[in-house]
Amino acid sequence: MLKTVILILLQASLIFPASGWGFRKKNKSKTEEPTSAPQKTIPEDLQILMDSYPDLKIQAEFNDEKKDWIISFENYGTQQAFHWAEGSVLPEEELINKENYWHVVYKYSNELRDPKTFTEEEIERLREYGTVKNRKKAPGTPMFFFDAVYASYTRAKIEPHIITIKFLGKGTRVHERILEPLKRVEAKILEAEKKSPEVRTFIKELKSAAAYNWRQIDGTKRKSFHSLGIAVDLLPVAYHGGEVFWSWARDKNPERWMMTSIKGRWMPPKEVVDAFESEGFIWGGYWAIWDNMHFEYHPELIGKMKASASTH
């Protein structure tokens, strides 16, 4: 209900000047009514997050005392509440550590960056990122919101929600929440197979579709999204001489792994990447620290990408 009221007021602001909100024309025969302040406008990225998980019916309310948006929803029988925290989406007790976390909604670019365009500063930053020491101390994704969405607080909590399915003929285990999006991805890939020899070869050479795996990200103390069952690694029987994962490339070439050319990397067909993106999955191949076999369910990032594209 609150979300609806805010949207109505926002639409009204496009028609009536803000200075006129809450006022009526003076009537000499009546006492002037008190004014009311305009409603706060939900931040764009918060609205994207709310729209990306419609079944949760996320509510947002601005708290004047905290000077922050408080979001709340119920999932798996538990009421959840988080501070927006400028985009980090944190429980109140973690606000003092806000600098340790990235934003939950951020810009995901689906364009391949040619390493030849990297500046020396970017190269050095990537080289530093690849060190174990840096990965341990670097900020990371705040998992609090995602743990609430997927009940992934512990292995015992999440495993009742992990299901076994087949994807492109390969058995895999995923979170129940991404079953329907994955079905639609599979249908689109199989449709593309009818016209594309590259997609046909990709499916034929697919060795496995590895998803749920309760583990931490290599070199950190943070959970991998494989631990949530929302990340899928599509592994081929052979990489045909191409690099598939930045960390494996770093092991071979610690100083210049980030300069591996686009042609020097194994790639799934574009039709496969497009099918995943159309259903809310991002592809790790677009990252500067590329992971070309990796797809991860983040409808909020796809939503952000589409919103950015529509304003340019």
C-alpha atoms as a PDB file:
ATOM      1  CA  MET A   1       0.000   0.000   0.000  1.00  0.00           C
ATOM      2  CA  LEU A   2       2.793   2.442   0.936  1.00  0.00           C
ATOM      3  CA  LYS A   3       4.587   1.739  -2.325  1.00  0.00           C
ATOM      4  CA  THR A   4       1.376   2.546  -4.251  1.00  0.00           C
ATOM      5  CA  VAL A   5       0.890   5.833  -2.389  1.00  0.00           C
ATOM      6  CA  ILE A   6       4.478   6.878  -3.081  1.00  0.00           C
ATOM      7  CA  LEU A   7       4.141   6.098  -6.793  1.00  0.00           C
ATOM      8  CA  ILE A   8       0.892   8.105  -7.010  1.00  0.00           C
ATOM      9  CA  LEU A   9       2.512  11.085  -5.311  1.00  0.00           C
ATOM     10  CA  LEU A  10       5.541  10.812  -7.585  1.00  0.00           C
ATOM     11  CA  GLN A  11       3.283  10.889 -10.642  1.00  0.00           C
ATOM     12  CA  ALA A  12       1.464  13.885  -9.219  1.00  0.00           C
ATOM     13  CA  SER A  13       4.765  15.750  -8.863  1.00  0.00           C
ATOM     14  CA  LEU A  14       5.143  15.697 -12.634  1.00  0.00           C
ATOM     15  CA  ILE A  15       1.889  17.632 -12.990  1.00  0.00           C
ATOM     16  CA  PHE A  16       1.860  19.965  -9.998  1.00  0.00           C
ATOM     17  CA  PRO A  17       4.829  22.002  -8.724  1.00  0.00           C
ATOM     18  CA  ALA A  18       6.288  20.769  -5.438  1.00  0.00           C
ATOM     19  CA  SER A  19       5.629  24.124  -3.811  1.00  0.00           C
ATOM     20  CA  GLY A  20       1.903  23.522  -4.230  1.00  0.00           C
ATOM     21  CA  TRP A  21       1.773  20.177  -2.419  1.00  0.00           C
ATOM     22  CA  GLY A  22      -0.427  20.083   0.666  1.00  0.00           C
ATOM     23  CA  PHE A  23      -2.056  23.502   0.076  1.00  0.00           C
ATOM     24  CA  ARG A  24      -5.549  24.569  -0.860  1.00  0.00           C
ATOM     25  CA  LYS A  25      -6.736  27.919  -2.122  1.00  0.00           C
ATOM     26  CA  LYS A  26      -7.548  30.353   0.643  1.00  0.00           C
ATOM     27  CA  ASN A  27     -11.177  30.666   1.538  1.00  0.00           C
ATOM     28  CA  LYS A  28     -11.940  33.679   3.646  1.00  0.00           C
ATOM     29  CA  SER A  29     -14.926  31.966   5.207  1.00  0.00           C
ATOM     30  CA  LYS A  30     -12.883  28.957   6.379  1.00  0.00           C
ATOM     31  CA  THR A  31      -9.812  28.412   8.513  1.00  0.00           C
ATOM     32  CA  GLU A  32      -6.699  27.666   6.440  1.00  0.00           C
ATOM     33  CA  GLU A  33      -5.799  23.987   6.634  1.00  0.00           C
ATOM     34  CA  PRO A  34      -2.305  22.923   7.787  1.00  0.00           C
ATOM     35  CA  THR A  35       0.311  22.099   5.190  1.00  0.00           C
ATOM     36  CA  SER A  36       1.852  18.646   4.729  1.00  0.00           C
ATOM     37  CA  ALA A  37       5.392  17.865   3.568  1.00  0.00           C
ATOM     38  CA  PRO A  38       5.866  15.952   0.288  1.00  0.00           C
ATOM     39  CA  GLN A  39       6.633  12.275   0.520  1.00  0.00           C
ATOM     40  CA  LYS A  40      10.218  11.057   0.154  1.00  0.00           C
ATOM     41  CA  THR A  41      11.042   9.562  -3.229  1.00  0.00           C
ATOM     42  CA  ILE A  42      12.310   5.977  -3.197  1.00  0.00           C
ATOM     43  CA  PRO A  43      15.883   5.845  -4.590  1.00  0.00           C
ATOM     44  CA  GLU A  44      16.012   4.476  -8.127  1.00  0.00           C
ATOM     45  CA  ASP A  45      18.228   1.506  -7.224  1.00  0.00           C
ATOM     46  CA  LEU A  46      15.978   0.586  -4.299  1.00  0.00           C
ATOM     47  CA  GLN A  47      12.951   0.623  -6.601  1.00  0.00           C
ATOM     48  CA  ILE A  48      14.832  -1.645  -9.024  1.00  0.00           C
ATOM     49  CA  LEU A  49      15.574  -4.064  -6.182  1.00  0.00           C
ATOM     50  CA  MET A  50      11.932  -4.112  -5.100  1.00  0.00           C
ATOM     51  CA  ASP A  51      10.722  -4.691  -8.655  1.00  0.00           C
ATOM     52  CA  SER A  52      13.234  -7.512  -9.199  1.00  0.00           C
ATOM     53  CA  TYR A  53      11.676  -9.716  -6.512  1.00  0.00           C
ATOM     54  CA  PRO A  54       7.940  -9.041  -6.933  1.00  0.00           C
ATOM     55  CA  ASP A  55       6.794 -12.142  -5.051  1.00  0.00           C
ATOM     56  CA  LEU A  56       8.451 -10.854  -1.862  1.00  0.00           C
ATOM     57  CA  LYS A  57       6.247  -7.732  -1.876  1.00  0.00           C
ATOM     58  CA  ILE A  58       9.077  -5.647  -0.441  1.00  0.00           C
ATOM     59  CA  GLN A  59       7.933  -2.543   1.422  1.00  0.00           C
ATOM     60  CA  ALA A  60      10.046   0.601   1.830  1.00  0.00           C
ATOM     61  CA  GLU A  61       9.496   3.310   4.398  1.00  0.00           C
ATOM     62  CA  PHE A  62      11.703   6.311   5.188  1.00  0.00           C
ATOM     63  CA  ASN A  63      12.665   6.489   8.863  1.00  0.00           C
ATOM     64  CA  ASP A  64      13.158  10.115   9.926  1.00  0.00           C
ATOM     65  CA  GLU A  65      15.044   9.151  13.066  1.00  0.00           C
ATOM     66  CA  LYS A  66      17.507   6.896  11.201  1.00  0.00           C
ATOM     67  CA  LYS A  67      17.474   9.147   8.125  1.00  0.00           C
ATOM     68  CA  ASP A  68      17.383   6.051   5.991  1.00  0.00           C
ATOM     69  CA  TRP A  69      14.997   3.808   4.105  1.00  0.00           C
ATOM     70  CA  ILE A  70      13.939   0.659   5.921  1.00  0.00           C
ATOM     71  CA  ILE A  71      12.904  -2.221   3.682  1.00  0.00           C
ATOM     72  CA  SER A  72      10.864  -5.140   4.959  1.00  0.00           C
ATOM     73  CA  PHE A  73       9.335  -8.333   3.633  1.00  0.00           C
ATOM     74  CA  GLU A  74       8.318 -11.789   4.799  1.00  0.00           C
ATOM     75  CA  ASN A  75       9.945 -14.898   3.367  1.00  0.00           C
ATOM     76  CA  TYR A  76       9.803 -18.540   4.433  1.00  0.00           C
ATOM     77  CA  GLY A  77       7.702 -17.504   7.423  1.00  0.00           C
ATOM     78  CA  THR A  78      10.217 -14.979   8.771  1.00  0.00           C
ATOM     79  CA  GLN A  79       9.796 -11.190   8.797  1.00  0.00           C
ATOM     80  CA  GLN A  80      12.888  -9.420   7.455  1.00  0.00           C
ATOM     81  CA  ALA A  81      14.023  -5.803   7.838  1.00  0.00           C
ATOM     82  CA  PHE A  82      17.105  -4.027   6.494  1.00  0.00           C
ATOM     83  CA  HIS A  83      18.512  -0.530   6.223  1.00  0.00           C
ATOM     84  CA  TRP A  84      19.039   0.641   2.642  1.00  0.00           C
ATOM     85  CA  ALA A  85      22.419   2.027   3.826  1.00  0.00           C
ATOM     86  CA  GLU A  86      23.064   3.898   0.557  1.00  0.00           C
ATOM     87  CA  GLY A  87      22.639   0.650  -1.349  1.00  0.00           C
ATOM     88  CA  SER A  88      24.473  -1.888   0.813  1.00  0.00           C
ATOM     89  CA  VAL A  89      21.217  -3.248   2.359  1.00  0.00           C
ATOM     90  CA  LEU A  90      22.399  -4.038   5.880  1.00  0.00           C
ATOM     91  CA  PRO A  91      20.909  -5.103   9.203  1.00  0.00           C
ATOM     92  CA  GLU A  92      21.185  -2.379  11.812  1.00  0.00           C
ATOM     93  CA  GLU A  93      24.080  -4.029  13.642  1.00  0.00           C
ATOM     94  CA  GLU A  94      26.218  -3.948  10.473  1.00  0.00           C
ATOM     95  CA  LEU A  95      25.827  -0.228   9.748  1.00  0.00           C
ATOM     96  CA  ILE A  96      29.113   0.541  11.498  1.00  0.00           C
ATOM     97  CA  ASN A  97      30.863  -1.708   8.970  1.00  0.00           C
ATOM     98  CA  LYS A  98      29.215  -0.211   5.886  1.00  0.00           C
ATOM     99  CA  GLU A  99      32.557   0.534   4.216  1.00  0.00           C
ATOM    100  CA  ASN A 100      33.251  -3.210   4.078  1.00  0.00           C
ATOM    101  CA  TYR A 101      30.445  -3.847   1.605  1.00  0.00           C
ATOM    102  CA  TRP A 102      29.646  -3.141  -2.031  1.00  0.00           C
ATOM    103  CA  HIS A 103      26.219  -1.992  -3.138  1.00  0.00           C
ATOM    104  CA  VAL A 104      23.653  -4.701  -3.856  1.00  0.00           C
ATOM    105  CA  VAL A 105      22.484  -2.946  -7.045  1.00  0.00           C
ATOM    106  CA  TYR A 106      25.350  -1.781  -9.229  1.00  0.00           C
ATOM    107  CA  LYS A 107      26.131  -1.292 -12.896  1.00  0.00           C
ATOM    108  CA  TYR A 108      26.519  -4.559 -14.792  1.00  0.00           C
ATOM    109  CA  SER A 109      27.898  -3.985 -18.254  1.00  0.00           C
ATOM    110  CA  ASN A 110      27.283  -6.619 -20.924  1.00  0.00           C
ATOM    111  CA  GLU A 111      30.072  -5.419 -23.172  1.00  0.00           C
ATOM    112  CA  LEU A 112      33.422  -7.185 -23.479  1.00  0.00           C
ATOM    113  CA  ARG A 113      36.322  -4.895 -22.657  1.00  0.00           C
ATOM    114  CA  ASP A 114      39.389  -5.437 -24.836  1.00  0.00           C
ATOM    115  CA  PRO A 115      42.424  -5.752 -22.514  1.00  0.00           C
ATOM    116  CA  LYS A 116      44.388  -3.628 -24.989  1.00  0.00           C
ATOM    117  CA  THR A 117      42.369  -0.643 -23.733  1.00  0.00           C
ATOM    118  CA  PHE A 118      43.399  -1.142 -20.085  1.00  0.00           C
ATOM    119  CA  THR A 119      45.498   1.626 -18.588  1.00  0.00           C
ATOM    120  CA  GLU A 120      48.594   0.766 -16.574  1.00  0.00           C
ATOM    121  CA  GLU A 121      46.701   1.840 -13.478  1.00  0.00           C
ATOM    122  CA  GLU A 122      43.884  -0.616 -14.266  1.00  0.00           C
ATOM    123  CA  ILE A 123      46.374  -3.396 -14.947  1.00  0.00           C
ATOM    124  CA  GLU A 124      48.061  -2.808 -11.600  1.00  0.00           C
ATOM    125  CA  ARG A 125      44.725  -2.700  -9.803  1.00  0.00           C
ATOM    126  CA  LEU A 126      43.717  -6.040 -11.321  1.00  0.00           C
ATOM    127  CA  ARG A 127      47.089  -7.540 -10.504  1.00  0.00           C
ATOM    128  CA  GLU A 128      46.686  -6.424  -6.898  1.00  0.00           C
ATOM    129  CA  TYR A 129      43.126  -7.756  -6.755  1.00  0.00           C
ATOM    130  CA  GLY A 130      44.390 -11.175  -7.781  1.00  0.00           C
ATOM    131  CA  THR A 131      46.593 -11.519  -4.712  1.00  0.00           C
ATOM    132  CA  VAL A 132      45.314 -13.650  -1.816  1.00  0.00           C
ATOM    133  CA  LYS A 133      46.181 -10.888   0.678  1.00  0.00           C
ATOM    134  CA  ASN A 134      44.054  -8.319  -1.143  1.00  0.00           C
ATOM    135  CA  ARG A 135      41.091 -10.629  -1.684  1.00  0.00           C
ATOM    136  CA  LYS A 136      40.954 -11.329   2.056  1.00  0.00           C
ATOM    137  CA  LYS A 137      40.752  -7.658   3.026  1.00  0.00           C
ATOM    138  CA  ALA A 138      38.846  -6.226   0.046  1.00  0.00           C
ATOM    139  CA  PRO A 139      35.159  -5.203   0.382  1.00  0.00           C
ATOM    140  CA  GLY A 140      32.625  -7.688  -0.906  1.00  0.00           C
ATOM    141  CA  THR A 141      28.971  -8.364  -1.586  1.00  0.00           C
ATOM    142  CA  PRO A 142      26.750  -7.962   1.500  1.00  0.00           C
ATOM    143  CA  MET A 143      25.028 -11.325   1.773  1.00  0.00           C
ATOM    144  CA  PHE A 144      22.383 -10.334   4.333  1.00  0.00           C
ATOM    145  CA  PHE A 145      19.603  -9.571   1.828  1.00  0.00           C
ATOM    146  CA  PHE A 146      20.391 -12.660  -0.251  1.00  0.00           C
ATOM    147  CA  ASP A 147      20.509 -14.889   2.830  1.00  0.00           C
ATOM    148  CA  ALA A 148      16.995 -13.648   3.648  1.00  0.00           C
ATOM    149  CA  VAL A 149      15.767 -14.265   0.088  1.00  0.00           C
ATOM    150  CA  TYR A 150      17.236 -17.775  -0.238  1.00  0.00           C
ATOM    151  CA  ALA A 151      17.324 -18.907   3.436  1.00  0.00           C
ATOM    152  CA  SER A 152      21.072 -19.415   3.022  1.00  0.00           C
ATOM    153  CA  TYR A 153      22.186 -18.554   6.560  1.00  0.00           C
ATOM    154  CA  THR A 154      23.605 -22.036   7.034  1.00  0.00           C
ATOM    155  CA  ARG A 155      23.949 -25.204   5.004  1.00  0.00           C
ATOM    156  CA  ALA A 156      21.251 -26.856   7.100  1.00  0.00           C
ATOM    157  CA  LYS A 157      18.862 -23.942   6.457  1.00  0.00           C
ATOM    158  CA  ILE A 158      19.264 -23.805   2.689  1.00  0.00           C
ATOM    159  CA  GLU A 159      19.426 -27.463   1.673  1.00  0.00           C
ATOM    160  CA  PRO A 160      15.670 -28.091   2.048  1.00  0.00           C
ATOM    161  CA  HIS A 161      15.272 -25.505  -0.729  1.00  0.00           C
ATOM    162  CA  ILE A 162      17.827 -27.093  -3.082  1.00  0.00           C
ATOM    163  CA  ILE A 163      16.274 -29.244  -5.808  1.00  0.00           C
ATOM    164  CA  THR A 164      17.711 -31.609  -8.420  1.00  0.00           C
ATOM    165  CA  ILE A 165      16.904 -30.844 -12.047  1.00  0.00           C
ATOM    166  CA  LYS A 166      18.250 -31.433 -15.536  1.00  0.00           C
ATOM    167  CA  PHE A 167      19.553 -28.515 -17.555  1.00  0.00           C
ATOM    168  CA  LEU A 168      20.447 -29.125 -21.210  1.00  0.00           C
ATOM    169  CA  GLY A 169      20.490 -32.825 -20.363  1.00  0.00           C
ATOM    170  CA  LYS A 170      22.886 -32.489 -17.414  1.00  0.00           C
ATOM    171  CA  GLY A 171      21.869 -33.163 -13.833  1.00  0.00           C
ATOM    172  CA  THR A 172      22.381 -30.276 -11.433  1.00  0.00           C
ATOM    173  CA  ARG A 173      21.171 -28.935  -8.077  1.00  0.00           C
ATOM    174  CA  VAL A 174      19.780 -25.420  -7.825  1.00  0.00           C
ATOM    175  CA  HIS A 175      17.682 -23.281  -5.494  1.00  0.00           C
ATOM    176  CA  GLU A 176      13.963 -23.745  -6.014  1.00  0.00           C
ATOM    177  CA  ARG A 177      13.525 -19.993  -6.645  1.00  0.00           C
ATOM    178  CA  ILE A 178      15.427 -20.134  -9.950  1.00  0.00           C
ATOM    179  CA  LEU A 179      13.730 -23.233 -11.354  1.00  0.00           C
ATOM    180  CA  GLU A 180      11.299 -21.348 -13.591  1.00  0.00           C
ATOM    181  CA  PRO A 181      13.860 -18.814 -14.932  1.00  0.00           C
ATOM    182  CA  LEU A 182      16.211 -21.698 -15.754  1.00  0.00           C
ATOM    183  CA  LYS A 183      13.454 -23.546 -17.595  1.00  0.00           C
ATOM    184  CA  ARG A 184      12.878 -20.479 -19.752  1.00  0.00           C
ATOM    185  CA  VAL A 185      16.621 -20.117 -20.393  1.00  0.00           C
ATOM    186  CA  GLU A 186      16.820 -23.747 -21.502  1.00  0.00           C
ATOM    187  CA  ALA A 187      13.855 -23.339 -23.846  1.00  0.00           C
ATOM    188  CA  LYS A 188      15.493 -20.310 -25.503  1.00  0.00           C
ATOM    189  CA  ILE A 189      18.829 -22.109 -25.922  1.00  0.00           C
ATOM    190  CA  LEU A 190      17.125 -25.134 -27.473  1.00  0.00           C
ATOM    191  CA  GLU A 191      15.255 -22.829 -29.839  1.00  0.00           C
ATOM    192  CA  ALA A 192      18.544 -21.141 -30.814  1.00  0.00           C
ATOM    193  CA  GLU A 193      20.086 -24.575 -31.417  1.00  0.00           C
ATOM    194  CA  LYS A 194      17.774 -25.051 -34.423  1.00  0.00           C
ATOM    195  CA  LYS A 195      19.438 -22.175 -36.284  1.00  0.00           C
ATOM    196  CA  SER A 196      22.936 -21.906 -34.817  1.00  0.00           C
ATOM    197  CA  PRO A 197      25.745 -24.429 -35.462  1.00  0.00           C
ATOM    198  CA  GLU A 198      27.711 -22.782 -32.605  1.00  0.00           C
ATOM    199  CA  VAL A 199      24.911 -23.417 -30.115  1.00  0.00           C
ATOM    200  CA  ARG A 200      24.540 -26.966 -31.428  1.00  0.00           C
ATOM    201  CA  THR A 201      28.249 -27.591 -30.843  1.00  0.00           C
ATOM    202  CA  PHE A 202      28.080 -25.949 -27.410  1.00  0.00           C
ATOM    203  CA  ILE A 203      25.286 -28.295 -26.273  1.00  0.00           C
ATOM    204  CA  LYS A 204      27.009 -31.333 -27.770  1.00  0.00           C
ATOM    205  CA  GLU A 205      30.290 -30.506 -25.987  1.00  0.00           C
ATOM    206  CA  LEU A 206      28.689 -29.612 -22.653  1.00  0.00           C
ATOM    207  CA  LYS A 207      30.206 -31.788 -19.940  1.00  0.00           C
ATOM    208  CA  SER A 208      28.351 -30.593 -16.845  1.00  0.00           C
ATOM    209  CA  ALA A 209      26.187 -27.861 -15.312  1.00  0.00           C
ATOM    210  CA  ALA A 210      27.614 -27.411 -11.819  1.00  0.00           C
ATOM    211  CA  ALA A 211      25.457 -25.267  -9.519  1.00  0.00           C
ATOM    212  CA  TYR A 212      24.875 -25.745  -5.774  1.00  0.00           C
ATOM    213  CA  ASN A 213      28.095 -26.152  -3.800  1.00  0.00           C
ATOM    214  CA  TRP A 214      28.331 -24.914  -0.209  1.00  0.00           C
ATOM    215  CA  ARG A 215      31.702 -23.148  -0.177  1.00  0.00           C
ATOM    216  CA  GLN A 216      33.503 -19.846   0.249  1.00  0.00           C
ATOM    217  CA  ILE A 217      34.912 -17.692  -2.539  1.00  0.00           C
ATOM    218  CA  ASP A 218      38.540 -18.627  -3.135  1.00  0.00           C
ATOM    219  CA  GLY A 219      40.836 -16.466  -1.023  1.00  0.00           C
ATOM    220  CA  THR A 220      38.027 -14.907   1.071  1.00  0.00           C
ATOM    221  CA  LYS A 221      35.727 -15.686   3.990  1.00  0.00           C
ATOM    222  CA  ARG A 222      32.605 -14.844   1.981  1.00  0.00           C
ATOM    223  CA  LYS A 223      30.112 -17.356   0.653  1.00  0.00           C
ATOM    224  CA  SER A 224      30.070 -18.044  -3.061  1.00  0.00           C
ATOM    225  CA  PHE A 225      26.730 -17.642  -4.820  1.00  0.00           C
ATOM    226  CA  HIS A 226      27.127 -21.334  -5.622  1.00  0.00           C
ATOM    227  CA  SER A 227      26.369 -21.789  -1.907  1.00  0.00           C
ATOM    228  CA  LEU A 228      22.947 -20.276  -2.588  1.00  0.00           C
ATOM    229  CA  GLY A 229      22.302 -22.528  -5.582  1.00  0.00           C
ATOM    230  CA  ILE A 230      21.797 -19.523  -7.884  1.00  0.00           C
ATOM    231  CA  ALA A 231      25.082 -19.756  -9.833  1.00  0.00           C
ATOM    232  CA  VAL A 232      25.633 -22.275 -12.626  1.00  0.00           C
ATOM    233  CA  ASP A 233      28.968 -23.219 -14.223  1.00  0.00           C
ATOM    234  CA  LEU A 234      28.581 -24.659 -17.725  1.00  0.00           C
ATOM    235  CA  LEU A 235      31.709 -26.734 -18.277  1.00  0.00           C
ATOM    236  CA  PRO A 236      32.626 -28.044 -21.756  1.00  0.00           C
ATOM    237  CA  VAL A 237      34.547 -31.243 -22.411  1.00  0.00           C
ATOM    238  CA  ALA A 238      37.402 -29.127 -23.817  1.00  0.00           C
ATOM    239  CA  TYR A 239      38.349 -25.434 -23.878  1.00  0.00           C
ATOM    240  CA  HIS A 240      40.129 -25.746 -27.245  1.00  0.00           C
ATOM    241  CA  GLY A 241      43.199 -23.933 -25.992  1.00  0.00           C
ATOM    242  CA  GLY A 242      41.288 -20.957 -24.571  1.00  0.00           C
ATOM    243  CA  GLU A 243      41.420 -19.595 -21.025  1.00  0.00           C
ATOM    244  CA  VAL A 244      38.111 -19.910 -19.185  1.00  0.00           C
ATOM    245  CA  PHE A 245      38.787 -18.523 -15.693  1.00  0.00           C
ATOM    246  CA  TRP A 246      40.971 -15.607 -14.590  1.00  0.00           C
ATOM    247  CA  SER A 247      42.356 -17.469 -11.560  1.00  0.00           C
ATOM    248  CA  TRP A 248      43.543 -20.383 -13.675  1.00  0.00           C
ATOM    249  CA  ALA A 249      45.145 -17.929 -16.106  1.00  0.00           C
ATOM    250  CA  ARG A 250      46.837 -16.153 -13.170  1.00  0.00           C
ATOM    251  CA  ASP A 251      48.400 -19.431 -12.046  1.00  0.00           C
ATOM    252  CA  LYS A 252      50.086 -19.662 -15.451  1.00  0.00           C
ATOM    253  CA  ASN A 253      50.940 -15.980 -15.834  1.00  0.00           C
ATOM    254  CA  PRO A 254      50.851 -14.135 -12.464  1.00  0.00           C
ATOM    255  CA  GLU A 255      51.928 -10.764 -13.889  1.00  0.00           C
ATOM    256  CA  ARG A 256      49.927 -10.463 -17.109  1.00  0.00           C
ATOM    257  CA  TRP A 257      46.929 -12.766 -16.741  1.00  0.00           C
ATOM    258  CA  MET A 258      44.537  -9.825 -17.090  1.00  0.00           C
ATOM    259  CA  MET A 259      45.892  -9.141 -20.588  1.00  0.00           C
ATOM    260  CA  THR A 260      44.628 -12.453 -21.987  1.00  0.00           C
ATOM    261  CA  SER A 261      43.033 -11.486 -25.289  1.00  0.00           C
ATOM    262  CA  ILE A 262      39.340 -11.980 -26.011  1.00  0.00           C
ATOM    263  CA  LYS A 263      40.271 -14.476 -28.724  1.00  0.00           C
ATOM    264  CA  GLY A 264      42.455 -16.289 -26.207  1.00  0.00           C
ATOM    265  CA  ARG A 265      39.467 -17.118 -23.991  1.00  0.00           C
ATOM    266  CA  TRP A 266      36.926 -19.909 -24.301  1.00  0.00           C
ATOM    267  CA  MET A 267      33.461 -18.427 -24.816  1.00  0.00           C
ATOM    268  CA  PRO A 268      29.919 -19.791 -24.806  1.00  0.00           C
ATOM    269  CA  PRO A 269      27.928 -18.670 -27.879  1.00  0.00           C
ATOM    270  CA  LYS A 270      26.345 -15.228 -27.673  1.00  0.00           C
ATOM    271  CA  GLU A 271      22.893 -16.781 -28.038  1.00  0.00           C
ATOM    272  CA  VAL A 272      23.496 -18.705 -24.794  1.00  0.00           C
ATOM    273  CA  VAL A 273      24.621 -15.575 -22.942  1.00  0.00           C
ATOM    274  CA  ASP A 274      21.631 -13.631 -24.280  1.00  0.00           C
ATOM    275  CA  ALA A 275      19.209 -16.365 -23.198  1.00  0.00           C
ATOM    276  CA  PHE A 276      20.509 -16.236 -19.636  1.00  0.00           C
ATOM    277  CA  GLU A 277      20.471 -12.432 -19.481  1.00  0.00           C
ATOM    278  CA  SER A 278      16.905 -12.281 -20.745  1.00  0.00           C
ATOM    279  CA  GLU A 279      15.831 -14.255 -17.656  1.00  0.00           C
ATOM    280  CA  GLY A 280      17.777 -12.326 -15.021  1.00  0.00           C
ATOM    281  CA  PHE A 281      21.189 -14.029 -15.061  1.00  0.00           C
ATOM    282  CA  ILE A 282      24.495 -12.181 -15.412  1.00  0.00           C
ATOM    283  CA  TRP A 283      27.499 -13.707 -17.211  1.00  0.00           C
ATOM    284  CA  GLY A 284      30.926 -13.800 -15.547  1.00  0.00           C
ATOM    285  CA  GLY A 285      32.644 -13.380 -18.904  1.00  0.00           C
ATOM    286  CA  TYR A 286      31.934  -9.645 -18.870  1.00  0.00           C
ATOM    287  CA  TRP A 287      33.851  -9.124 -15.625  1.00  0.00           C
ATOM    288  CA  ALA A 288      37.420  -7.789 -15.685  1.00  0.00           C
ATOM    289  CA  ILE A 289      38.178 -10.875 -13.571  1.00  0.00           C
ATOM    290  CA  TRP A 290      36.422 -13.062 -16.097  1.00  0.00           C
ATOM    291  CA  ASP A 291      34.720 -16.380 -15.371  1.00  0.00           C
ATOM    292  CA  ASN A 292      33.399 -17.466 -18.746  1.00  0.00           C
ATOM    293  CA  MET A 293      31.663 -20.638 -17.595  1.00  0.00           C
ATOM    294  CA  HIS A 294      29.721 -18.794 -14.876  1.00  0.00           C
ATOM    295  CA  PHE A 295      26.094 -17.563 -14.869  1.00  0.00           C
ATOM    296  CA  GLU A 296      24.494 -16.062 -11.761  1.00  0.00           C
ATOM    297  CA  TYR A 297      20.888 -15.128 -11.030  1.00  0.00           C
ATOM    298  CA  HIS A 298      20.697 -11.392 -10.276  1.00  0.00           C
ATOM    299  CA  PRO A 299      17.526  -9.866 -11.725  1.00  0.00           C
ATOM    300  CA  GLU A 300      18.336  -6.629  -9.879  1.00  0.00           C
ATOM    301  CA  LEU A 301      21.539  -6.176 -11.932  1.00  0.00           C
ATOM    302  CA  ILE A 302      19.784  -6.912 -15.213  1.00  0.00           C
ATOM    303  CA  GLY A 303      17.083  -4.459 -14.117  1.00  0.00           C
ATOM    304  CA  LYS A 304      19.728  -1.815 -13.428  1.00  0.00           C
ATOM    305  CA  MET A 305      21.324  -2.439 -16.827  1.00  0.00           C
ATOM    306  CA  LYS A 306      17.992  -2.039 -18.624  1.00  0.00           C
ATOM    307  CA  ALA A 307      17.137   1.105 -16.668  1.00  0.00           C
ATOM    308  CA  SER A 308      20.496   2.665 -17.551  1.00  0.00           C
ATOM    309  CA  ALA A 309      20.075   1.765 -21.220  1.00  0.00           C
ATOM    310  CA  SER A 310      16.602   3.359 -21.369  1.00  0.00           C
ATOM    311  CA  THR A 311      17.954   6.717 -20.132  1.00  0.00           C
ATOM    312  CA  HIS A 312      20.691   6.955 -22.763  1.00  0.00           C
END
